[in-house]
Amino acid sequence: MYKTIELTREDRLAYLTLNRPQAMNAMDDVMMKELAEAFESLEKDDAVQVLVIKGEGHAFSAGGDIKKMVDPNNPLDISKVMVDVSRLAKALYALPQITIAVVHGAAAGLGFSVALGCDVIIAEEDSKLAMNFIGIGLVPDGAGHFFMRERVGVPQAKKLIWSGQVMSGTEALKAGLVDEVVGEGQAEKYGKGYAQKLLASPIASMIASKKILHATKLADLELTLKMESEAQVMMRKTADHLEGIQAFVEKRQPVFAGK
């Protein structure tokens, strides 16, 4: 059914796997659309009560696929892409399941936004987490502003977004960005155990509380997504973004001019 993700169900538990391991699960336009469709399908699935999101291969997700951004033969339509990015973020936040992100390796950019949108984040101590859009002259998307602010508040969110700091799982725990840290290679196993504990709890009441808490924030989320989309389209046209992309491809430090 899907080309870039896998969605499986085991009774009341579902697993969503980001499945582009050859690209460190970087999100191209196909994956963004498929994630939106998968989350929207789960919005209507009351039989599933817990969703575990993980990455195949060596990373959770390296973020947006920069190689696709610079492909002259098949350029991304950023306006169209942002529609799917907004769809997936809104659907993720509105899911009637308890969501668990199981992070190993990199969780960067949009990949980090998806992790932050989950109710519980379990990260391996040596994982690398970063809201690093700033490195290519862009703003966080996928509700990155909203999810970061929910976790750590506005002042710390600005600091982390503006710096693009790369954090280990341990550092992210200290910053309040993840909930549990485990040893190398242990995240998926721990996540499965955590999911089973939730399923053995009075989870219907937990889901009801999630719905109440999230419903009051939906208008704020929608405004954030609208502003992120507008800003991202604008930033894609800047000289700093073009320099950031070129520097990434050439594996050198970018020289930004504030334009």
C-alpha atoms as a PDB file:
ATOM      1  CA  MET A   1       0.000   0.000   0.000  1.00  0.00           C
ATOM      2  CA  TYR A   2       2.765   2.434   0.952  1.00  0.00           C
ATOM      3  CA  LYS A   3       6.153   2.915  -0.728  1.00  0.00           C
ATOM      4  CA  THR A   4       8.102   4.745   1.991  1.00  0.00           C
ATOM      5  CA  ILE A   5       6.448   3.691   5.254  1.00  0.00           C
ATOM      6  CA  GLU A   6       4.967   0.549   6.787  1.00  0.00           C
ATOM      7  CA  LEU A   7       1.842   0.502   8.964  1.00  0.00           C
ATOM      8  CA  THR A   8       1.021  -2.699  10.800  1.00  0.00           C
ATOM      9  CA  ARG A   9      -1.567  -3.476  13.451  1.00  0.00           C
ATOM     10  CA  GLU A  10      -1.415  -6.032  16.261  1.00  0.00           C
ATOM     11  CA  ASP A  11      -4.791  -5.911  17.982  1.00  0.00           C
ATOM     12  CA  ARG A  12      -4.827  -2.614  19.947  1.00  0.00           C
ATOM     13  CA  LEU A  13      -1.235  -1.722  19.031  1.00  0.00           C
ATOM     14  CA  ALA A  14      -0.002  -0.282  15.719  1.00  0.00           C
ATOM     15  CA  TYR A  15       3.503   0.266  14.413  1.00  0.00           C
ATOM     16  CA  LEU A  16       4.407   2.914  11.854  1.00  0.00           C
ATOM     17  CA  THR A  17       7.892   2.466  10.400  1.00  0.00           C
ATOM     18  CA  LEU A  18       9.677   5.129   8.348  1.00  0.00           C
ATOM     19  CA  ASN A  19      11.133   2.950   5.609  1.00  0.00           C
ATOM     20  CA  ARG A  20      13.712   4.712   3.449  1.00  0.00           C
ATOM     21  CA  PRO A  21      16.789   3.294   5.200  1.00  0.00           C
ATOM     22  CA  GLN A  22      19.027   3.962   2.208  1.00  0.00           C
ATOM     23  CA  ALA A  23      18.377   7.686   2.771  1.00  0.00           C
ATOM     24  CA  MET A  24      18.373   7.558   6.609  1.00  0.00           C
ATOM     25  CA  ASN A  25      14.570   7.843   6.327  1.00  0.00           C
ATOM     26  CA  ALA A  26      14.841  11.359   4.942  1.00  0.00           C
ATOM     27  CA  MET A  27      11.366  12.559   4.061  1.00  0.00           C
ATOM     28  CA  ASP A  28      10.676  13.177   0.390  1.00  0.00           C
ATOM     29  CA  ASP A  29       7.343  14.352  -0.991  1.00  0.00           C
ATOM     30  CA  VAL A  30       6.093  10.752  -1.233  1.00  0.00           C
ATOM     31  CA  MET A  31       6.809   9.988   2.424  1.00  0.00           C
ATOM     32  CA  MET A  32       5.221  13.235   3.590  1.00  0.00           C
ATOM     33  CA  LYS A  33       2.036  12.420   1.675  1.00  0.00           C
ATOM     34  CA  GLU A  34       2.020   8.821   2.907  1.00  0.00           C
ATOM     35  CA  LEU A  35       2.518   9.894   6.524  1.00  0.00           C
ATOM     36  CA  ALA A  36      -0.416  12.290   6.214  1.00  0.00           C
ATOM     37  CA  GLU A  37      -2.590   9.526   4.771  1.00  0.00           C
ATOM     38  CA  ALA A  38      -1.523   7.008   7.438  1.00  0.00           C
ATOM     39  CA  PHE A  39      -2.173   9.369  10.334  1.00  0.00           C
ATOM     40  CA  GLU A  40      -5.525  10.381   8.868  1.00  0.00           C
ATOM     41  CA  SER A  41      -6.500   6.712   8.557  1.00  0.00           C
ATOM     42  CA  LEU A  42      -5.590   6.157  12.217  1.00  0.00           C
ATOM     43  CA  GLU A  43      -7.723   9.136  13.232  1.00  0.00           C
ATOM     44  CA  LYS A  44     -10.719   6.991  12.292  1.00  0.00           C
ATOM     45  CA  ASP A  45      -9.433   3.771  13.898  1.00  0.00           C
ATOM     46  CA  ASP A  46     -10.824   3.519  17.433  1.00  0.00           C
ATOM     47  CA  ALA A  47      -9.688  -0.108  17.707  1.00  0.00           C
ATOM     48  CA  VAL A  48      -6.016   0.947  17.942  1.00  0.00           C
ATOM     49  CA  GLN A  49      -5.084   2.546  21.267  1.00  0.00           C
ATOM     50  CA  VAL A  50      -1.282   2.836  21.042  1.00  0.00           C
ATOM     51  CA  LEU A  51       0.893   3.806  18.062  1.00  0.00           C
ATOM     52  CA  VAL A  52       4.669   3.279  18.026  1.00  0.00           C
ATOM     53  CA  ILE A  53       6.603   5.286  15.409  1.00  0.00           C
ATOM     54  CA  LYS A  54      10.123   4.141  14.530  1.00  0.00           C
ATOM     55  CA  GLY A  55      12.708   4.266  11.769  1.00  0.00           C
ATOM     56  CA  GLU A  56      14.150   1.396   9.734  1.00  0.00           C
ATOM     57  CA  GLY A  57      17.933   1.085   9.459  1.00  0.00           C
ATOM     58  CA  HIS A  58      20.417   3.399  11.157  1.00  0.00           C
ATOM     59  CA  ALA A  59      18.204   6.403  11.965  1.00  0.00           C
ATOM     60  CA  PHE A  60      14.778   7.558  13.003  1.00  0.00           C
ATOM     61  CA  SER A  61      14.772  10.245  10.288  1.00  0.00           C
ATOM     62  CA  ALA A  62      17.380  12.657   8.969  1.00  0.00           C
ATOM     63  CA  GLY A  63      14.620  15.183   8.179  1.00  0.00           C
ATOM     64  CA  GLY A  64      13.571  16.552   4.816  1.00  0.00           C
ATOM     65  CA  ASP A  65      15.311  15.047   1.793  1.00  0.00           C
ATOM     66  CA  ILE A  66      17.772  17.772   0.776  1.00  0.00           C
ATOM     67  CA  LYS A  67      18.844  15.858  -2.331  1.00  0.00           C
ATOM     68  CA  LYS A  68      15.262  16.099  -3.576  1.00  0.00           C
ATOM     69  CA  MET A  69      15.309  19.842  -2.897  1.00  0.00           C
ATOM     70  CA  VAL A  70      18.191  20.338  -5.313  1.00  0.00           C
ATOM     71  CA  ASP A  71      17.167  17.796  -7.975  1.00  0.00           C
ATOM     72  CA  PRO A  72      16.929  19.852 -11.212  1.00  0.00           C
ATOM     73  CA  ASN A  73      15.070  17.059 -13.002  1.00  0.00           C
ATOM     74  CA  ASN A  74      12.278  16.781 -10.462  1.00  0.00           C
ATOM     75  CA  PRO A  75      12.115  19.971  -8.365  1.00  0.00           C
ATOM     76  CA  LEU A  76       9.875  19.941  -5.309  1.00  0.00           C
ATOM     77  CA  ASP A  77       6.761  22.084  -5.424  1.00  0.00           C
ATOM     78  CA  ILE A  78       7.202  23.603  -1.961  1.00  0.00           C
ATOM     79  CA  SER A  79       3.623  24.899  -1.767  1.00  0.00           C
ATOM     80  CA  LYS A  80       2.247  21.427  -2.466  1.00  0.00           C
ATOM     81  CA  VAL A  81       4.708  19.783  -0.081  1.00  0.00           C
ATOM     82  CA  MET A  82       3.737  22.138   2.751  1.00  0.00           C
ATOM     83  CA  VAL A  83       0.101  21.083   2.398  1.00  0.00           C
ATOM     84  CA  ASP A  84       1.077  17.485   3.180  1.00  0.00           C
ATOM     85  CA  VAL A  85       3.481  18.545   5.946  1.00  0.00           C
ATOM     86  CA  SER A  86       0.645  20.454   7.607  1.00  0.00           C
ATOM     87  CA  ARG A  87      -1.754  17.539   7.104  1.00  0.00           C
ATOM     88  CA  LEU A  88       0.571  15.047   8.765  1.00  0.00           C
ATOM     89  CA  ALA A  89       1.325  17.321  11.738  1.00  0.00           C
ATOM     90  CA  LYS A  90      -2.319  18.120  12.410  1.00  0.00           C
ATOM     91  CA  ALA A  91      -3.404  14.484  12.088  1.00  0.00           C
ATOM     92  CA  LEU A  92      -0.559  13.311  14.342  1.00  0.00           C
ATOM     93  CA  TYR A  93      -1.563  15.754  17.085  1.00  0.00           C
ATOM     94  CA  ALA A  94      -5.236  14.783  16.815  1.00  0.00           C
ATOM     95  CA  LEU A  95      -4.713  11.004  16.900  1.00  0.00           C
ATOM     96  CA  PRO A  96      -7.006   9.107  19.291  1.00  0.00           C
ATOM     97  CA  GLN A  97      -4.078   6.906  20.295  1.00  0.00           C
ATOM     98  CA  ILE A  98      -1.216   7.308  22.736  1.00  0.00           C
ATOM     99  CA  THR A  99       1.768   7.862  20.433  1.00  0.00           C
ATOM    100  CA  ILE A 100       5.317   6.731  21.204  1.00  0.00           C
ATOM    101  CA  ALA A 101       8.349   7.860  19.193  1.00  0.00           C
ATOM    102  CA  VAL A 102      11.226   5.366  19.375  1.00  0.00           C
ATOM    103  CA  VAL A 103      14.358   7.279  18.379  1.00  0.00           C
ATOM    104  CA  HIS A 104      17.737   5.883  17.412  1.00  0.00           C
ATOM    105  CA  GLY A 105      20.406   7.539  15.301  1.00  0.00           C
ATOM    106  CA  ALA A 106      19.370  10.880  13.852  1.00  0.00           C
ATOM    107  CA  ALA A 107      16.070  12.648  14.441  1.00  0.00           C
ATOM    108  CA  ALA A 108      16.569  15.937  12.676  1.00  0.00           C
ATOM    109  CA  GLY A 109      14.462  18.670  11.099  1.00  0.00           C
ATOM    110  CA  LEU A 110      11.042  17.381  10.101  1.00  0.00           C
ATOM    111  CA  GLY A 111      11.968  14.009  11.600  1.00  0.00           C
ATOM    112  CA  PHE A 112      12.454  15.716  14.964  1.00  0.00           C
ATOM    113  CA  SER A 113       9.143  17.568  14.536  1.00  0.00           C
ATOM    114  CA  VAL A 114       7.359  14.228  14.078  1.00  0.00           C
ATOM    115  CA  ALA A 115       9.047  12.806  17.185  1.00  0.00           C
ATOM    116  CA  LEU A 116       8.144  15.904  19.217  1.00  0.00           C
ATOM    117  CA  GLY A 117       4.532  15.549  18.092  1.00  0.00           C
ATOM    118  CA  CYS A 118       4.280  12.220  19.920  1.00  0.00           C
ATOM    119  CA  ASP A 119       2.988  11.840  23.458  1.00  0.00           C
ATOM    120  CA  VAL A 120       6.048   9.896  24.617  1.00  0.00           C
ATOM    121  CA  ILE A 121       9.584  10.086  23.216  1.00  0.00           C
ATOM    122  CA  ILE A 122      12.089   7.329  23.961  1.00  0.00           C
ATOM    123  CA  ALA A 123      15.605   8.033  22.688  1.00  0.00           C
ATOM    124  CA  GLU A 124      18.851   6.123  22.771  1.00  0.00           C
ATOM    125  CA  GLU A 125      21.562   7.919  24.722  1.00  0.00           C
ATOM    126  CA  ASP A 126      23.812   8.306  21.658  1.00  0.00           C
ATOM    127  CA  SER A 127      21.067   9.426  19.270  1.00  0.00           C
ATOM    128  CA  LYS A 128      21.378  12.837  17.626  1.00  0.00           C
ATOM    129  CA  LEU A 129      18.376  15.151  17.843  1.00  0.00           C
ATOM    130  CA  ALA A 130      18.235  18.596  16.259  1.00  0.00           C
ATOM    131  CA  MET A 131      15.762  21.202  15.066  1.00  0.00           C
ATOM    132  CA  ASN A 132      18.364  22.158  12.481  1.00  0.00           C
ATOM    133  CA  PHE A 133      16.385  23.968   9.761  1.00  0.00           C
ATOM    134  CA  ILE A 134      18.480  27.066  10.495  1.00  0.00           C
ATOM    135  CA  GLY A 135      21.503  25.385   8.888  1.00  0.00           C
ATOM    136  CA  ILE A 136      19.900  25.711   5.449  1.00  0.00           C
ATOM    137  CA  GLY A 137      18.171  29.036   6.062  1.00  0.00           C
ATOM    138  CA  LEU A 138      14.692  27.618   6.724  1.00  0.00           C
ATOM    139  CA  VAL A 139      12.214  27.664   9.608  1.00  0.00           C
ATOM    140  CA  PRO A 140      10.947  24.552  11.410  1.00  0.00           C
ATOM    141  CA  ASP A 141       7.877  22.988   9.839  1.00  0.00           C
ATOM    142  CA  GLY A 142       5.643  20.053  10.655  1.00  0.00           C
ATOM    143  CA  ALA A 143       4.504  22.149  13.658  1.00  0.00           C
ATOM    144  CA  GLY A 144       8.074  22.205  14.960  1.00  0.00           C
ATOM    145  CA  HIS A 145       7.470  25.618  16.568  1.00  0.00           C
ATOM    146  CA  PHE A 146       4.288  24.391  18.241  1.00  0.00           C
ATOM    147  CA  PHE A 147       5.666  21.065  19.482  1.00  0.00           C
ATOM    148  CA  MET A 148       8.926  22.617  20.701  1.00  0.00           C
ATOM    149  CA  ARG A 149       7.051  25.318  22.601  1.00  0.00           C
ATOM    150  CA  GLU A 150       4.726  22.719  24.131  1.00  0.00           C
ATOM    151  CA  ARG A 151       7.739  20.837  25.450  1.00  0.00           C
ATOM    152  CA  VAL A 152      10.048  23.584  26.694  1.00  0.00           C
ATOM    153  CA  GLY A 153       8.323  26.995  26.436  1.00  0.00           C
ATOM    154  CA  VAL A 154       8.972  29.953  24.144  1.00  0.00           C
ATOM    155  CA  PRO A 155      12.391  31.202  25.389  1.00  0.00           C
ATOM    156  CA  GLN A 156      14.030  27.763  25.224  1.00  0.00           C
ATOM    157  CA  ALA A 157      12.279  26.955  21.935  1.00  0.00           C
ATOM    158  CA  LYS A 158      13.753  30.086  20.340  1.00  0.00           C
ATOM    159  CA  LYS A 159      17.205  29.225  21.658  1.00  0.00           C
ATOM    160  CA  LEU A 160      17.094  25.688  20.259  1.00  0.00           C
ATOM    161  CA  ILE A 161      15.557  26.701  16.910  1.00  0.00           C
ATOM    162  CA  TRP A 162      17.983  29.554  16.357  1.00  0.00           C
ATOM    163  CA  SER A 163      21.067  27.521  17.294  1.00  0.00           C
ATOM    164  CA  GLY A 164      20.133  24.300  15.499  1.00  0.00           C
ATOM    165  CA  GLN A 165      21.951  22.554  18.347  1.00  0.00           C
ATOM    166  CA  VAL A 166      22.556  18.829  17.886  1.00  0.00           C
ATOM    167  CA  MET A 167      21.808  17.014  21.153  1.00  0.00           C
ATOM    168  CA  SER A 168      22.463  13.491  22.322  1.00  0.00           C
ATOM    169  CA  GLY A 169      19.547  11.611  23.846  1.00  0.00           C
ATOM    170  CA  THR A 170      20.959  12.382  27.291  1.00  0.00           C
ATOM    171  CA  GLU A 171      21.232  16.114  26.512  1.00  0.00           C
ATOM    172  CA  ALA A 172      17.706  16.148  25.062  1.00  0.00           C
ATOM    173  CA  LEU A 173      16.396  14.550  28.265  1.00  0.00           C
ATOM    174  CA  LYS A 174      18.022  17.285  30.359  1.00  0.00           C
ATOM    175  CA  ALA A 175      16.461  19.899  28.069  1.00  0.00           C
ATOM    176  CA  GLY A 176      13.001  18.383  28.552  1.00  0.00           C
ATOM    177  CA  LEU A 177      12.652  17.298  24.925  1.00  0.00           C
ATOM    178  CA  VAL A 178      12.433  13.531  25.461  1.00  0.00           C
ATOM    179  CA  ASP A 179      10.852  11.432  28.189  1.00  0.00           C
ATOM    180  CA  GLU A 180      13.063   8.357  28.478  1.00  0.00           C
ATOM    181  CA  VAL A 181      16.678   7.568  27.551  1.00  0.00           C
ATOM    182  CA  VAL A 182      17.949   4.039  27.020  1.00  0.00           C
ATOM    183  CA  GLY A 183      21.203   2.433  25.945  1.00  0.00           C
ATOM    184  CA  GLU A 184      22.381   1.955  22.380  1.00  0.00           C
ATOM    185  CA  GLY A 185      20.203  -0.499  20.470  1.00  0.00           C
ATOM    186  CA  GLN A 186      17.558  -0.660  23.216  1.00  0.00           C
ATOM    187  CA  ALA A 187      14.966   1.902  22.119  1.00  0.00           C
ATOM    188  CA  GLU A 188      12.712  -0.334  20.039  1.00  0.00           C
ATOM    189  CA  LYS A 189      12.582  -3.095  22.669  1.00  0.00           C
ATOM    190  CA  TYR A 190      11.922  -0.558  25.426  1.00  0.00           C
ATOM    191  CA  GLY A 191       9.243   1.116  23.321  1.00  0.00           C
ATOM    192  CA  LYS A 192       7.409  -2.162  22.818  1.00  0.00           C
ATOM    193  CA  GLY A 193       7.489  -2.821  26.557  1.00  0.00           C
ATOM    194  CA  TYR A 194       6.258   0.701  27.262  1.00  0.00           C
ATOM    195  CA  ALA A 195       3.382   0.190  24.815  1.00  0.00           C
ATOM    196  CA  GLN A 196       2.371  -3.049  26.549  1.00  0.00           C
ATOM    197  CA  LYS A 197       2.333  -1.290  29.935  1.00  0.00           C
ATOM    198  CA  LEU A 198       0.024   1.357  28.496  1.00  0.00           C
ATOM    199  CA  LEU A 199      -2.288  -1.295  27.089  1.00  0.00           C
ATOM    200  CA  ALA A 200      -2.444  -2.913  30.530  1.00  0.00           C
ATOM    201  CA  SER A 201      -3.507   0.450  32.047  1.00  0.00           C
ATOM    202  CA  PRO A 202      -6.957   2.111  32.030  1.00  0.00           C
ATOM    203  CA  ILE A 203      -5.929   3.566  28.682  1.00  0.00           C
ATOM    204  CA  ALA A 204      -9.382   4.748  27.618  1.00  0.00           C
ATOM    205  CA  SER A 205      -9.255   7.397  30.335  1.00  0.00           C
ATOM    206  CA  MET A 206      -5.736   8.392  29.259  1.00  0.00           C
ATOM    207  CA  ILE A 207      -6.919   8.847  25.676  1.00  0.00           C
ATOM    208  CA  ALA A 208      -9.894  10.903  26.886  1.00  0.00           C
ATOM    209  CA  SER A 209      -7.531  13.213  28.804  1.00  0.00           C
ATOM    210  CA  LYS A 210      -5.320  13.565  25.733  1.00  0.00           C
ATOM    211  CA  LYS A 211      -8.345  14.569  23.662  1.00  0.00           C
ATOM    212  CA  ILE A 212      -9.377  17.221  26.184  1.00  0.00           C
ATOM    213  CA  LEU A 213      -5.884  18.685  26.468  1.00  0.00           C
ATOM    214  CA  HIS A 214      -5.244  18.714  22.723  1.00  0.00           C
ATOM    215  CA  ALA A 215      -8.675  19.980  21.634  1.00  0.00           C
ATOM    216  CA  THR A 216      -8.054  23.308  23.348  1.00  0.00           C
ATOM    217  CA  LYS A 217      -4.852  23.791  21.305  1.00  0.00           C
ATOM    218  CA  LEU A 218      -6.076  22.897  17.803  1.00  0.00           C
ATOM    219  CA  ALA A 219      -6.753  26.474  16.691  1.00  0.00           C
ATOM    220  CA  ASP A 220      -3.255  27.460  17.840  1.00  0.00           C
ATOM    221  CA  LEU A 221      -1.787  24.496  15.953  1.00  0.00           C
ATOM    222  CA  GLU A 222      -3.630  25.399  12.753  1.00  0.00           C
ATOM    223  CA  LEU A 223      -2.406  28.999  12.923  1.00  0.00           C
ATOM    224  CA  THR A 224       1.159  27.801  13.520  1.00  0.00           C
ATOM    225  CA  LEU A 225       0.980  25.462  10.520  1.00  0.00           C
ATOM    226  CA  LYS A 226      -0.384  28.247   8.304  1.00  0.00           C
ATOM    227  CA  MET A 227       2.408  30.611   9.347  1.00  0.00           C
ATOM    228  CA  GLU A 228       5.077  27.916   8.984  1.00  0.00           C
ATOM    229  CA  SER A 229       3.897  27.149   5.451  1.00  0.00           C
ATOM    230  CA  GLU A 230       3.928  30.817   4.442  1.00  0.00           C
ATOM    231  CA  ALA A 231       7.353  31.378   5.999  1.00  0.00           C
ATOM    232  CA  GLN A 232       8.839  28.242   4.442  1.00  0.00           C
ATOM    233  CA  VAL A 233       7.697  29.229   0.937  1.00  0.00           C
ATOM    234  CA  MET A 234       9.258  32.658   1.527  1.00  0.00           C
ATOM    235  CA  MET A 235      12.510  31.292   2.984  1.00  0.00           C
ATOM    236  CA  ARG A 236      12.968  28.923   0.041  1.00  0.00           C
ATOM    237  CA  LYS A 237      13.451  31.996  -2.162  1.00  0.00           C
ATOM    238  CA  THR A 238      16.163  33.596  -0.022  1.00  0.00           C
ATOM    239  CA  ALA A 239      19.857  33.807  -0.849  1.00  0.00           C
ATOM    240  CA  ASP A 240      20.694  32.319   2.550  1.00  0.00           C
ATOM    241  CA  HIS A 241      18.667  29.190   1.819  1.00  0.00           C
ATOM    242  CA  LEU A 242      20.329  28.705  -1.552  1.00  0.00           C
ATOM    243  CA  GLU A 243      23.733  29.157   0.091  1.00  0.00           C
ATOM    244  CA  GLY A 244      22.835  26.730   2.872  1.00  0.00           C
ATOM    245  CA  ILE A 245      21.758  24.067   0.384  1.00  0.00           C
ATOM    246  CA  GLN A 246      24.837  24.573  -1.795  1.00  0.00           C
ATOM    247  CA  ALA A 247      27.138  24.398   1.223  1.00  0.00           C
ATOM    248  CA  PHE A 248      25.450  21.169   2.362  1.00  0.00           C
ATOM    249  CA  VAL A 249      25.936  19.570  -1.059  1.00  0.00           C
ATOM    250  CA  GLU A 250      29.564  20.765  -1.205  1.00  0.00           C
ATOM    251  CA  LYS A 251      30.188  19.704   2.423  1.00  0.00           C
ATOM    252  CA  ARG A 252      31.471  23.109   3.542  1.00  0.00           C
ATOM    253  CA  GLN A 253      30.477  25.788   6.020  1.00  0.00           C
ATOM    254  CA  PRO A 254      27.832  28.163   4.622  1.00  0.00           C
ATOM    255  CA  VAL A 255      28.419  31.907   4.446  1.00  0.00           C
ATOM    256  CA  PHE A 256      25.148  33.658   5.228  1.00  0.00           C
ATOM    257  CA  ALA A 257      24.359  37.279   4.383  1.00  0.00           C
ATOM    258  CA  GLY A 258      20.989  37.710   6.093  1.00  0.00           C
ATOM    259  CA  LYS A 259      19.152  37.931   2.762  1.00  0.00           C
END
